[in-house]
Amino acid sequence: MALTTRARSVTHPRVAVYILIIAVMVIAALGTSGAVLDPRIPMAAVLFAASDVLVARQRFAKSQVANRVVGLATYYAAQVLFAITVVSPPFRGDG
């Protein structure tokens, strides 16, 4: 019974829309790395997506301490990188 409830939760339309939004965010972030020469943006987006995968794994697959610990670490790392890109110009490496 619990497995069927979890399976229904994962296939819920809201979950599908959320996954789509996160995928679009990562794709858009990967596209910005060449334009602004700032690798922190796609790195932050990938870390944020990874944290969401761990949250989903914790919620829908297998509840483990590692999901929470690594999930929180990747989430906060992503947030810090996003914040740094706002207040700090991209590294150019030209001197």
C-alpha atoms as a PDB file:
ATOM      1  CA  MET A   1       0.000   0.000   0.000  1.00  0.00           C
ATOM      2  CA  ALA A   2       2.730   2.511   0.929  1.00  0.00           C
ATOM      3  CA  LEU A   3       4.630   1.781  -2.270  1.00  0.00           C
ATOM      4  CA  THR A   4       1.558   2.453  -4.404  1.00  0.00           C
ATOM      5  CA  THR A   5       0.925   5.708  -2.597  1.00  0.00           C
ATOM      6  CA  ARG A   6       4.526   6.775  -3.167  1.00  0.00           C
ATOM      7  CA  ALA A   7       4.369   5.779  -6.831  1.00  0.00           C
ATOM      8  CA  ARG A   8       1.234   7.865  -7.274  1.00  0.00           C
ATOM      9  CA  SER A   9       2.951  10.823  -5.591  1.00  0.00           C
ATOM     10  CA  VAL A  10       5.883  10.651  -7.998  1.00  0.00           C
ATOM     11  CA  THR A  11       3.644  10.532 -11.057  1.00  0.00           C
ATOM     12  CA  HIS A  12       1.409  13.346  -9.826  1.00  0.00           C
ATOM     13  CA  PRO A  13       1.135  16.157 -12.414  1.00  0.00           C
ATOM     14  CA  ARG A  14       2.568  18.713  -9.973  1.00  0.00           C
ATOM     15  CA  VAL A  15       5.695  16.594  -9.527  1.00  0.00           C
ATOM     16  CA  ALA A  16       6.082  16.317 -13.310  1.00  0.00           C
ATOM     17  CA  VAL A  17       5.743  20.103 -13.678  1.00  0.00           C
ATOM     18  CA  TYR A  18       8.302  20.667 -10.921  1.00  0.00           C
ATOM     19  CA  ILE A  19      10.769  18.285 -12.595  1.00  0.00           C
ATOM     20  CA  LEU A  20      10.253  20.133 -15.872  1.00  0.00           C
ATOM     21  CA  ILE A  21      10.897  23.502 -14.220  1.00  0.00           C
ATOM     22  CA  ILE A  22      14.119  22.267 -12.600  1.00  0.00           C
ATOM     23  CA  ALA A  23      15.276  20.743 -15.906  1.00  0.00           C
ATOM     24  CA  VAL A  24      14.641  24.037 -17.725  1.00  0.00           C
ATOM     25  CA  MET A  25      16.568  25.900 -15.008  1.00  0.00           C
ATOM     26  CA  VAL A  26      19.586  23.608 -15.404  1.00  0.00           C
ATOM     27  CA  ILE A  27      19.490  23.825 -19.212  1.00  0.00           C
ATOM     28  CA  ALA A  28      19.224  27.618 -19.080  1.00  0.00           C
ATOM     29  CA  ALA A  29      22.091  27.810 -16.581  1.00  0.00           C
ATOM     30  CA  LEU A  30      24.275  25.575 -18.736  1.00  0.00           C
ATOM     31  CA  GLY A  31      23.565  27.926 -21.640  1.00  0.00           C
ATOM     32  CA  THR A  32      24.757  30.979 -19.698  1.00  0.00           C
ATOM     33  CA  SER A  33      28.229  29.686 -18.943  1.00  0.00           C
ATOM     34  CA  GLY A  34      29.541  30.583 -22.402  1.00  0.00           C
ATOM     35  CA  ALA A  35      27.775  33.945 -22.566  1.00  0.00           C
ATOM     36  CA  VAL A  36      29.005  35.409 -19.295  1.00  0.00           C
ATOM     37  CA  LEU A  37      32.050  33.207 -18.754  1.00  0.00           C
ATOM     38  CA  ASP A  38      30.940  32.427 -15.225  1.00  0.00           C
ATOM     39  CA  PRO A  39      31.036  28.709 -14.459  1.00  0.00           C
ATOM     40  CA  ARG A  40      29.497  29.303 -11.030  1.00  0.00           C
ATOM     41  CA  ILE A  41      25.989  29.640 -12.461  1.00  0.00           C
ATOM     42  CA  PRO A  42      25.768  26.191 -14.084  1.00  0.00           C
ATOM     43  CA  MET A  43      27.616  24.657 -11.122  1.00  0.00           C
ATOM     44  CA  ALA A  44      25.035  26.145  -8.754  1.00  0.00           C
ATOM     45  CA  ALA A  45      22.159  24.942 -10.930  1.00  0.00           C
ATOM     46  CA  VAL A  46      23.520  21.396 -11.068  1.00  0.00           C
ATOM     47  CA  LEU A  47      24.069  21.380  -7.288  1.00  0.00           C
ATOM     48  CA  PHE A  48      20.520  22.641  -6.764  1.00  0.00           C
ATOM     49  CA  ALA A  49      19.121  19.922  -9.040  1.00  0.00           C
ATOM     50  CA  ALA A  50      21.199  17.301  -7.208  1.00  0.00           C
ATOM     51  CA  SER A  51      19.798  18.479  -3.884  1.00  0.00           C
ATOM     52  CA  ASP A  52      16.284  18.108  -5.292  1.00  0.00           C
ATOM     53  CA  VAL A  53      17.058  14.562  -6.419  1.00  0.00           C
ATOM     54  CA  LEU A  54      18.149  13.747  -2.877  1.00  0.00           C
ATOM     55  CA  VAL A  55      15.011  15.328  -1.426  1.00  0.00           C
ATOM     56  CA  ALA A  56      12.897  13.247  -3.804  1.00  0.00           C
ATOM     57  CA  ARG A  57      14.869  10.143  -2.906  1.00  0.00           C
ATOM     58  CA  GLN A  58      14.334  10.881   0.791  1.00  0.00           C
ATOM     59  CA  ARG A  59      10.633  11.495   0.295  1.00  0.00           C
ATOM     60  CA  PHE A  60       9.677   8.872  -2.261  1.00  0.00           C
ATOM     61  CA  ALA A  61      12.341   6.150  -2.337  1.00  0.00           C
ATOM     62  CA  LYS A  62      14.475   5.443   0.707  1.00  0.00           C
ATOM     63  CA  SER A  63      14.688   7.592   3.815  1.00  0.00           C
ATOM     64  CA  GLN A  64      18.346   7.783   4.853  1.00  0.00           C
ATOM     65  CA  VAL A  65      20.435  10.203   6.848  1.00  0.00           C
ATOM     66  CA  ALA A  66      22.846  10.493   3.906  1.00  0.00           C
ATOM     67  CA  ASN A  67      20.041  11.889   1.721  1.00  0.00           C
ATOM     68  CA  ARG A  68      19.469  14.670   4.223  1.00  0.00           C
ATOM     69  CA  VAL A  69      23.121  15.423   4.938  1.00  0.00           C
ATOM     70  CA  VAL A  70      24.293  15.444   1.322  1.00  0.00           C
ATOM     71  CA  GLY A  71      21.035  17.044   0.183  1.00  0.00           C
ATOM     72  CA  LEU A  72      21.423  19.950   2.593  1.00  0.00           C
ATOM     73  CA  ALA A  73      25.110  20.348   1.729  1.00  0.00           C
ATOM     74  CA  THR A  74      24.397  20.524  -2.007  1.00  0.00           C
ATOM     75  CA  TYR A  75      21.419  22.846  -1.451  1.00  0.00           C
ATOM     76  CA  TYR A  76      23.407  25.331   0.642  1.00  0.00           C
ATOM     77  CA  ALA A  77      26.403  25.142  -1.692  1.00  0.00           C
ATOM     78  CA  ALA A  78      24.108  25.973  -4.605  1.00  0.00           C
ATOM     79  CA  GLN A  79      22.535  28.893  -2.750  1.00  0.00           C
ATOM     80  CA  VAL A  80      25.954  30.296  -1.816  1.00  0.00           C
ATOM     81  CA  LEU A  81      27.150  30.028  -5.421  1.00  0.00           C
ATOM     82  CA  PHE A  82      23.982  31.716  -6.709  1.00  0.00           C
ATOM     83  CA  ALA A  83      24.437  34.531  -4.165  1.00  0.00           C
ATOM     84  CA  ILE A  84      28.123  34.969  -4.997  1.00  0.00           C
ATOM     85  CA  THR A  85      27.323  35.391  -8.698  1.00  0.00           C
ATOM     86  CA  VAL A  86      25.063  38.302  -7.795  1.00  0.00           C
ATOM     87  CA  VAL A  87      27.596  40.192  -5.665  1.00  0.00           C
ATOM     88  CA  SER A  88      30.863  39.186  -7.303  1.00  0.00           C
ATOM     89  CA  PRO A  89      31.770  39.653 -10.970  1.00  0.00           C
ATOM     90  CA  PRO A  90      32.717  36.563 -12.959  1.00  0.00           C
ATOM     91  CA  PHE A  91      36.360  35.512 -12.956  1.00  0.00           C
ATOM     92  CA  ARG A  92      37.924  36.399 -16.297  1.00  0.00           C
ATOM     93  CA  GLY A  93      41.418  34.939 -15.838  1.00  0.00           C
ATOM     94  CA  ASP A  94      43.034  37.601 -18.009  1.00  0.00           C
ATOM     95  CA  GLY A  95      45.016  39.325 -15.355  1.00  0.00           C
END
